[in-house]
């Protein structure tokens, strides 16, 4: 299954006590997963994402599209 993900800053929406309990040097990052219509929140002191399979397509610019418009980014 192909996933379309986008990193975003959602720290202000997370439980403040939970964020404050993270160890020194920890970061918080949120990923939006389009196919699941959901956010994934990650907190860690070190992390790496390794993609396996087909080539990853990165967009250099943010673009806006009309609702329902089909886009082929390949």
PDB file of N, CA and C in Angstrom:
ATOM      1  N   UNK A   1       0.845  -1.168   0.000  1.00  0.00           N
ATOM      2  CA  UNK A   1       0.000   0.000   0.000  1.00  0.00           C
ATOM      3  C   UNK A   1       0.897   1.240   0.000  1.00  0.00           C
ATOM      4  N   UNK A   2       0.585   2.177  -0.839  1.00  0.00           N
ATOM      5  CA  UNK A   2       1.319   3.441  -0.889  1.00  0.00           C
ATOM      6  C   UNK A   2       0.770   4.384   0.170  1.00  0.00           C
ATOM      7  N   UNK A   3       1.653   5.030   0.908  1.00  0.00           N
ATOM      8  CA  UNK A   3       1.243   6.009   1.907  1.00  0.00           C
ATOM      9  C   UNK A   3       1.731   7.386   1.508  1.00  0.00           C
ATOM     10  N   UNK A   4       0.887   8.364   1.675  1.00  0.00           N
ATOM     11  CA  UNK A   4       1.280   9.750   1.479  1.00  0.00           C
ATOM     12  C   UNK A   4       1.338  10.374   2.860  1.00  0.00           C
ATOM     13  N   UNK A   5       2.532  10.845   3.237  1.00  0.00           N
ATOM     14  CA  UNK A   5       2.739  11.386   4.575  1.00  0.00           C
ATOM     15  C   UNK A   5       3.308  12.795   4.467  1.00  0.00           C
ATOM     16  N   UNK A   6       2.988  13.599   5.462  1.00  0.00           N
ATOM     17  CA  UNK A   6       3.500  14.959   5.515  1.00  0.00           C
ATOM     18  C   UNK A   6       3.838  15.269   6.965  1.00  0.00           C
ATOM     19  N   UNK A   7       5.001  15.836   7.205  1.00  0.00           N
ATOM     20  CA  UNK A   7       5.388  16.224   8.552  1.00  0.00           C
ATOM     21  C   UNK A   7       4.758  17.566   8.916  1.00  0.00           C
ATOM     22  N   UNK A   8       4.331  17.695  10.151  1.00  0.00           N
ATOM     23  CA  UNK A   8       3.729  18.952  10.586  1.00  0.00           C
ATOM     24  C   UNK A   8       3.986  19.167  12.074  1.00  0.00           C
ATOM     25  N   UNK A   9       3.807  20.381  12.513  1.00  0.00           N
ATOM     26  CA  UNK A   9       4.015  20.735  13.910  1.00  0.00           C
ATOM     27  C   UNK A   9       2.672  20.760  14.634  1.00  0.00           C
ATOM     28  N   UNK A  10       2.455  19.816  15.533  1.00  0.00           N
ATOM     29  CA  UNK A  10       1.186  19.723  16.269  1.00  0.00           C
ATOM     30  C   UNK A  10       1.417  19.701  17.776  1.00  0.00           C
ATOM     31  N   UNK A  11       2.601  20.083  18.219  1.00  0.00           N
ATOM     32  CA  UNK A  11       2.933  20.024  19.646  1.00  0.00           C
ATOM     33  C   UNK A  11       1.891  20.736  20.503  1.00  0.00           C
ATOM     34  N   UNK A  12       1.391  21.865  20.029  1.00  0.00           N
ATOM     35  CA  UNK A  12       0.422  22.648  20.805  1.00  0.00           C
ATOM     36  C   UNK A  12      -0.888  21.892  21.011  1.00  0.00           C
ATOM     37  N   UNK A  13      -1.162  20.863  20.212  1.00  0.00           N
ATOM     38  CA  UNK A  13      -2.393  20.085  20.326  1.00  0.00           C
ATOM     39  C   UNK A  13      -2.240  18.853  21.221  1.00  0.00           C
ATOM     40  N   UNK A  14      -1.022  18.572  21.657  1.00  0.00           N
ATOM     41  CA  UNK A  14      -0.770  17.384  22.476  1.00  0.00           C
ATOM     42  C   UNK A  14      -0.936  17.708  23.948  1.00  0.00           C
ATOM     43  N   UNK A  15      -1.100  16.683  24.751  1.00  0.00           N
ATOM     44  CA  UNK A  15      -1.229  16.838  26.193  1.00  0.00           C
ATOM     45  C   UNK A  15       0.039  17.489  26.738  1.00  0.00           C
ATOM     46  N   UNK A  16      -0.116  18.653  27.382  1.00  0.00           N
ATOM     47  CA  UNK A  16       1.041  19.421  27.853  1.00  0.00           C
ATOM     48  C   UNK A  16       1.837  18.668  28.924  1.00  0.00           C
ATOM     49  N   UNK A  17       1.159  17.923  29.779  1.00  0.00           N
ATOM     50  CA  UNK A  17       1.856  17.139  30.806  1.00  0.00           C
ATOM     51  C   UNK A  17       2.692  16.037  30.161  1.00  0.00           C
ATOM     52  N   UNK A  18       2.158  15.417  29.142  1.00  0.00           N
ATOM     53  CA  UNK A  18       2.896  14.368  28.435  1.00  0.00           C
ATOM     54  C   UNK A  18       4.144  14.941  27.783  1.00  0.00           C
ATOM     55  N   UNK A  19       4.006  16.055  27.083  1.00  0.00           N
ATOM     56  CA  UNK A  19       5.153  16.682  26.420  1.00  0.00           C
ATOM     57  C   UNK A  19       6.194  17.107  27.458  1.00  0.00           C
ATOM     58  N   UNK A  20       5.751  17.671  28.587  1.00  0.00           N
ATOM     59  CA  UNK A  20       6.675  18.117  29.634  1.00  0.00           C
ATOM     60  C   UNK A  20       7.412  16.947  30.282  1.00  0.00           C
ATOM     61  N   UNK A  21       6.846  15.743  30.219  1.00  0.00           N
ATOM     62  CA  UNK A  21       7.473  14.575  30.845  1.00  0.00           C
ATOM     63  C   UNK A  21       8.555  13.936  29.981  1.00  0.00           C
ATOM     64  N   UNK A  22       8.735  14.415  28.778  1.00  0.00           N
ATOM     65  CA  UNK A  22       9.750  13.844  27.886  1.00  0.00           C
ATOM     66  C   UNK A  22      11.148  14.161  28.411  1.00  0.00           C
ATOM     67  N   UNK A  23      12.105  13.278  28.166  1.00  0.00           N
ATOM     68  CA  UNK A  23      13.467  13.530  28.652  1.00  0.00           C
ATOM     69  C   UNK A  23      14.116  14.709  27.914  1.00  0.00           C
ATOM     70  N   UNK A  24      15.153  15.272  28.538  1.00  0.00           N
ATOM     71  CA  UNK A  24      15.902  16.354  27.893  1.00  0.00           C
ATOM     72  C   UNK A  24      16.435  15.880  26.543  1.00  0.00           C
ATOM     73  N   UNK A  25      16.381  16.749  25.564  1.00  0.00           N
ATOM     74  CA  UNK A  25      16.879  16.418  24.237  1.00  0.00           C
ATOM     75  C   UNK A  25      15.872  15.706  23.356  1.00  0.00           C
ATOM     76  N   UNK A  26      14.692  15.403  23.876  1.00  0.00           N
ATOM     77  CA  UNK A  26      13.671  14.707  23.074  1.00  0.00           C
ATOM     78  C   UNK A  26      12.988  15.696  22.135  1.00  0.00           C
ATOM     79  N   UNK A  27      12.556  15.205  21.019  1.00  0.00           N
ATOM     80  CA  UNK A  27      11.790  16.014  20.076  1.00  0.00           C
ATOM     81  C   UNK A  27      10.419  15.395  19.883  1.00  0.00           C
ATOM     82  N   UNK A  28       9.500  16.198  19.401  1.00  0.00           N
ATOM     83  CA  UNK A  28       8.156  15.729  19.073  1.00  0.00           C
ATOM     84  C   UNK A  28       7.907  16.101  17.622  1.00  0.00           C
ATOM     85  N   UNK A  29       7.438  15.142  16.847  1.00  0.00           N
ATOM     86  CA  UNK A  29       7.108  15.402  15.442  1.00  0.00           C
ATOM     87  C   UNK A  29       5.812  14.669  15.124  1.00  0.00           C
ATOM     88  N   UNK A  30       5.017  15.289  14.304  1.00  0.00           N
ATOM     89  CA  UNK A  30       3.749  14.696  13.897  1.00  0.00           C
ATOM     90  C   UNK A  30       3.781  14.429  12.402  1.00  0.00           C
ATOM     91  N   UNK A  31       3.293  13.281  12.016  1.00  0.00           N
ATOM     92  CA  UNK A  31       3.152  12.923  10.607  1.00  0.00           C
ATOM     93  C   UNK A  31       1.672  12.754  10.298  1.00  0.00           C
ATOM     94  N   UNK A  32       1.223  13.375   9.226  1.00  0.00           N
ATOM     95  CA  UNK A  32      -0.147  13.215   8.731  1.00  0.00           C
ATOM     96  C   UNK A  32      -0.115  12.110   7.687  1.00  0.00           C
ATOM     97  N   UNK A  33      -0.945  11.095   7.848  1.00  0.00           N
ATOM     98  CA  UNK A  33      -1.021   9.987   6.897  1.00  0.00           C
ATOM     99  C   UNK A  33      -2.359  10.092   6.183  1.00  0.00           C
ATOM    100  N   UNK A  34      -2.305  10.494   4.919  1.00  0.00           N
ATOM    101  CA  UNK A  34      -3.535  10.763   4.164  1.00  0.00           C
ATOM    102  C   UNK A  34      -4.453   9.553   4.076  1.00  0.00           C
ATOM    103  N   UNK A  35      -3.907   8.385   3.762  1.00  0.00           N
ATOM    104  CA  UNK A  35      -4.736   7.205   3.554  1.00  0.00           C
ATOM    105  C   UNK A  35      -5.456   6.760   4.828  1.00  0.00           C
ATOM    106  N   UNK A  36      -4.951   7.127   5.975  1.00  0.00           N
ATOM    107  CA  UNK A  36      -5.584   6.765   7.247  1.00  0.00           C
ATOM    108  C   UNK A  36      -6.377   7.933   7.829  1.00  0.00           C
ATOM    109  N   UNK A  37      -6.257   9.103   7.198  1.00  0.00           N
ATOM    110  CA  UNK A  37      -6.930  10.302   7.690  1.00  0.00           C
ATOM    111  C   UNK A  37      -6.623  10.489   9.174  1.00  0.00           C
ATOM    112  N   UNK A  38      -5.331  10.370   9.509  1.00  0.00           N
ATOM    113  CA  UNK A  38      -4.939  10.404  10.912  1.00  0.00           C
ATOM    114  C   UNK A  38      -3.525  10.950  11.075  1.00  0.00           C
ATOM    115  N   UNK A  39      -3.248  11.413  12.288  1.00  0.00           N
ATOM    116  CA  UNK A  39      -1.918  11.860  12.654  1.00  0.00           C
ATOM    117  C   UNK A  39      -1.185  10.754  13.394  1.00  0.00           C
ATOM    118  N   UNK A  40       0.134  10.678  13.219  1.00  0.00           N
ATOM    119  CA  UNK A  40       1.006   9.838  14.033  1.00  0.00           C
ATOM    120  C   UNK A  40       1.926  10.796  14.782  1.00  0.00           C
ATOM    121  N   UNK A  41       1.944  10.710  16.092  1.00  0.00           N
ATOM    122  CA  UNK A  41       2.802  11.571  16.902  1.00  0.00           C
ATOM    123  C   UNK A  41       4.007  10.753  17.347  1.00  0.00           C
ATOM    124  N   UNK A  42       5.189  11.315  17.173  1.00  0.00           N
ATOM    125  CA  UNK A  42       6.431  10.621  17.514  1.00  0.00           C
ATOM    126  C   UNK A  42       7.209  11.492  18.481  1.00  0.00           C
ATOM    127  N   UNK A  43       7.692  10.902  19.563  1.00  0.00           N
ATOM    128  CA  UNK A  43       8.583  11.580  20.497  1.00  0.00           C
ATOM    129  C   UNK A  43       9.783  10.674  20.708  1.00  0.00           C
ATOM    130  N   UNK A  44      10.974  11.233  20.579  1.00  0.00           N
ATOM    131  CA  UNK A  44      12.181  10.427  20.715  1.00  0.00           C
ATOM    132  C   UNK A  44      13.384  11.342  20.928  1.00  0.00           C
ATOM    133  N   UNK A  45      14.479  10.743  21.340  1.00  0.00           N
ATOM    134  CA  UNK A  45      15.722  11.494  21.402  1.00  0.00           C
ATOM    135  C   UNK A  45      16.541  11.281  20.129  1.00  0.00           C
ATOM    136  N   UNK A  46      16.214  10.229  19.391  1.00  0.00           N
ATOM    137  CA  UNK A  46      16.889   9.948  18.126  1.00  0.00           C
ATOM    138  C   UNK A  46      15.954   9.095  17.277  1.00  0.00           C
ATOM    139  N   UNK A  47      15.846   9.413  16.002  1.00  0.00           N
ATOM    140  CA  UNK A  47      14.978   8.623  15.128  1.00  0.00           C
ATOM    141  C   UNK A  47      15.471   8.728  13.690  1.00  0.00           C
ATOM    142  N   UNK A  48      15.127   7.732  12.909  1.00  0.00           N
ATOM    143  CA  UNK A  48      15.478   7.712  11.498  1.00  0.00           C
ATOM    144  C   UNK A  48      14.366   6.968  10.768  1.00  0.00           C
ATOM    145  N   UNK A  49      13.954   7.506   9.642  1.00  0.00           N
ATOM    146  CA  UNK A  49      12.951   6.837   8.821  1.00  0.00           C
ATOM    147  C   UNK A  49      13.652   6.289   7.594  1.00  0.00           C
ATOM    148  N   UNK A  50      13.528   5.008   7.381  1.00  0.00           N
ATOM    149  CA  UNK A  50      14.116   4.352   6.217  1.00  0.00           C
ATOM    150  C   UNK A  50      12.992   3.815   5.346  1.00  0.00           C
ATOM    151  N   UNK A  51      12.946   4.239   4.104  1.00  0.00           N
ATOM    152  CA  UNK A  51      11.918   3.781   3.174  1.00  0.00           C
ATOM    153  C   UNK A  51      12.447   2.599   2.391  1.00  0.00           C
ATOM    154  N   UNK A  52      11.613   1.610   2.206  1.00  0.00           N
ATOM    155  CA  UNK A  52      11.968   0.453   1.399  1.00  0.00           C
ATOM    156  C   UNK A  52      10.970   0.346   0.265  1.00  0.00           C
ATOM    157  N   UNK A  53      11.433  -0.133  -0.870  1.00  0.00           N
ATOM    158  CA  UNK A  53      10.523  -0.305  -2.002  1.00  0.00           C
ATOM    159  C   UNK A  53      10.740   0.765  -3.049  1.00  0.00           C
ATOM    160  N   UNK A  54       9.640   1.234  -3.609  1.00  0.00           N
ATOM    161  CA  UNK A  54       9.708   2.180  -4.714  1.00  0.00           C
ATOM    162  C   UNK A  54      10.330   3.505  -4.296  1.00  0.00           C
ATOM    163  N   UNK A  55      10.791   4.219  -5.304  1.00  0.00           N
ATOM    164  CA  UNK A  55      11.403   5.523  -5.081  1.00  0.00           C
ATOM    165  C   UNK A  55      10.413   6.485  -4.416  1.00  0.00           C
ATOM    166  N   UNK A  56      10.928   7.320  -3.540  1.00  0.00           N
ATOM    167  CA  UNK A  56      10.110   8.306  -2.839  1.00  0.00           C
ATOM    168  C   UNK A  56       9.997   9.552  -3.707  1.00  0.00           C
ATOM    169  N   UNK A  57       8.815  10.140  -3.744  1.00  0.00           N
ATOM    170  CA  UNK A  57       8.598  11.377  -4.489  1.00  0.00           C
ATOM    171  C   UNK A  57       8.468  12.515  -3.486  1.00  0.00           C
ATOM    172  N   UNK A  58       9.394  13.455  -3.564  1.00  0.00           N
ATOM    173  CA  UNK A  58       9.342  14.631  -2.696  1.00  0.00           C
ATOM    174  C   UNK A  58       8.888  15.814  -3.524  1.00  0.00           C
ATOM    175  N   UNK A  59       7.984  16.591  -2.964  1.00  0.00           N
ATOM    176  CA  UNK A  59       7.610  17.835  -3.626  1.00  0.00           C
ATOM    177  C   UNK A  59       8.468  18.934  -3.037  1.00  0.00           C
ATOM    178  N   UNK A  60       8.989  19.795  -3.881  1.00  0.00           N
ATOM    179  CA  UNK A  60       9.833  20.887  -3.422  1.00  0.00           C
ATOM    180  C   UNK A  60       9.013  22.083  -2.955  1.00  0.00           C
ATOM    181  N   UNK A  61       7.823  22.251  -3.489  1.00  0.00           N
ATOM    182  CA  UNK A  61       6.973  23.368  -3.138  1.00  0.00           C
ATOM    183  C   UNK A  61       5.630  22.841  -2.655  1.00  0.00           C
ATOM    184  N   UNK A  62       5.026  23.585  -1.762  1.00  0.00           N
ATOM    185  CA  UNK A  62       3.668  23.249  -1.365  1.00  0.00           C
ATOM    186  C   UNK A  62       2.735  23.787  -2.435  1.00  0.00           C
ATOM    187  N   UNK A  63       1.818  22.962  -2.860  1.00  0.00           N
ATOM    188  CA  UNK A  63       0.886  23.354  -3.901  1.00  0.00           C
ATOM    189  C   UNK A  63      -0.539  23.152  -3.396  1.00  0.00           C
ATOM    190  N   UNK A  64      -1.429  23.975  -3.872  1.00  0.00           N
ATOM    191  CA  UNK A  64      -2.830  23.856  -3.477  1.00  0.00           C
ATOM    192  C   UNK A  64      -3.628  23.334  -4.669  1.00  0.00           C
ATOM    193  N   UNK A  65      -4.563  22.469  -4.378  1.00  0.00           N
ATOM    194  CA  UNK A  65      -5.388  21.868  -5.412  1.00  0.00           C
ATOM    195  C   UNK A  65      -6.855  21.999  -5.037  1.00  0.00           C
ATOM    196  N   UNK A  66      -7.687  21.955  -6.046  1.00  0.00           N
ATOM    197  CA  UNK A  66      -9.132  21.997  -5.804  1.00  0.00           C
ATOM    198  C   UNK A  66      -9.596  20.665  -5.230  1.00  0.00           C
ATOM    199  N   UNK A  67     -10.627  20.717  -4.422  1.00  0.00           N
ATOM    200  CA  UNK A  67     -11.179  19.502  -3.828  1.00  0.00           C
ATOM    201  C   UNK A  67     -11.560  18.504  -4.915  1.00  0.00           C
ATOM    202  N   UNK A  68     -11.120  17.257  -4.776  1.00  0.00           N
ATOM    203  CA  UNK A  68     -11.454  16.210  -5.717  1.00  0.00           C
ATOM    204  C   UNK A  68     -10.568  16.144  -6.935  1.00  0.00           C
ATOM    205  N   UNK A  69      -9.627  17.072  -7.069  1.00  0.00           N
ATOM    206  CA  UNK A  69      -8.739  17.084  -8.231  1.00  0.00           C
ATOM    207  C   UNK A  69      -7.758  15.914  -8.134  1.00  0.00           C
ATOM    208  N   UNK A  70      -7.597  15.175  -9.201  1.00  0.00           N
ATOM    209  CA  UNK A  70      -6.656  14.059  -9.239  1.00  0.00           C
ATOM    210  C   UNK A  70      -5.284  14.578  -9.637  1.00  0.00           C
ATOM    211  N   UNK A  71      -4.268  14.123  -8.914  1.00  0.00           N
ATOM    212  CA  UNK A  71      -2.912  14.611  -9.154  1.00  0.00           C
ATOM    213  C   UNK A  71      -1.990  13.427  -9.289  1.00  0.00           C
ATOM    214  N   UNK A  72      -1.185  13.417 -10.341  1.00  0.00           N
ATOM    215  CA  UNK A  72      -0.173  12.371 -10.541  1.00  0.00           C
ATOM    216  C   UNK A  72       1.175  13.035 -10.277  1.00  0.00           C
ATOM    217  N   UNK A  73       1.822  12.679  -9.157  1.00  0.00           N
ATOM    218  CA  UNK A  73       3.094  13.302  -8.779  1.00  0.00           C
ATOM    219  C   UNK A  73       4.296  12.534  -9.276  1.00  0.00           C
ATOM    220  N   UNK A  74       4.084  11.510 -10.038  1.00  0.00           N
ATOM    221  CA  UNK A  74       5.235  10.720 -10.504  1.00  0.00           C
ATOM    222  C   UNK A  74       5.892  11.326 -11.706  1.00  0.00           C
TER     223      UNK A  74
END
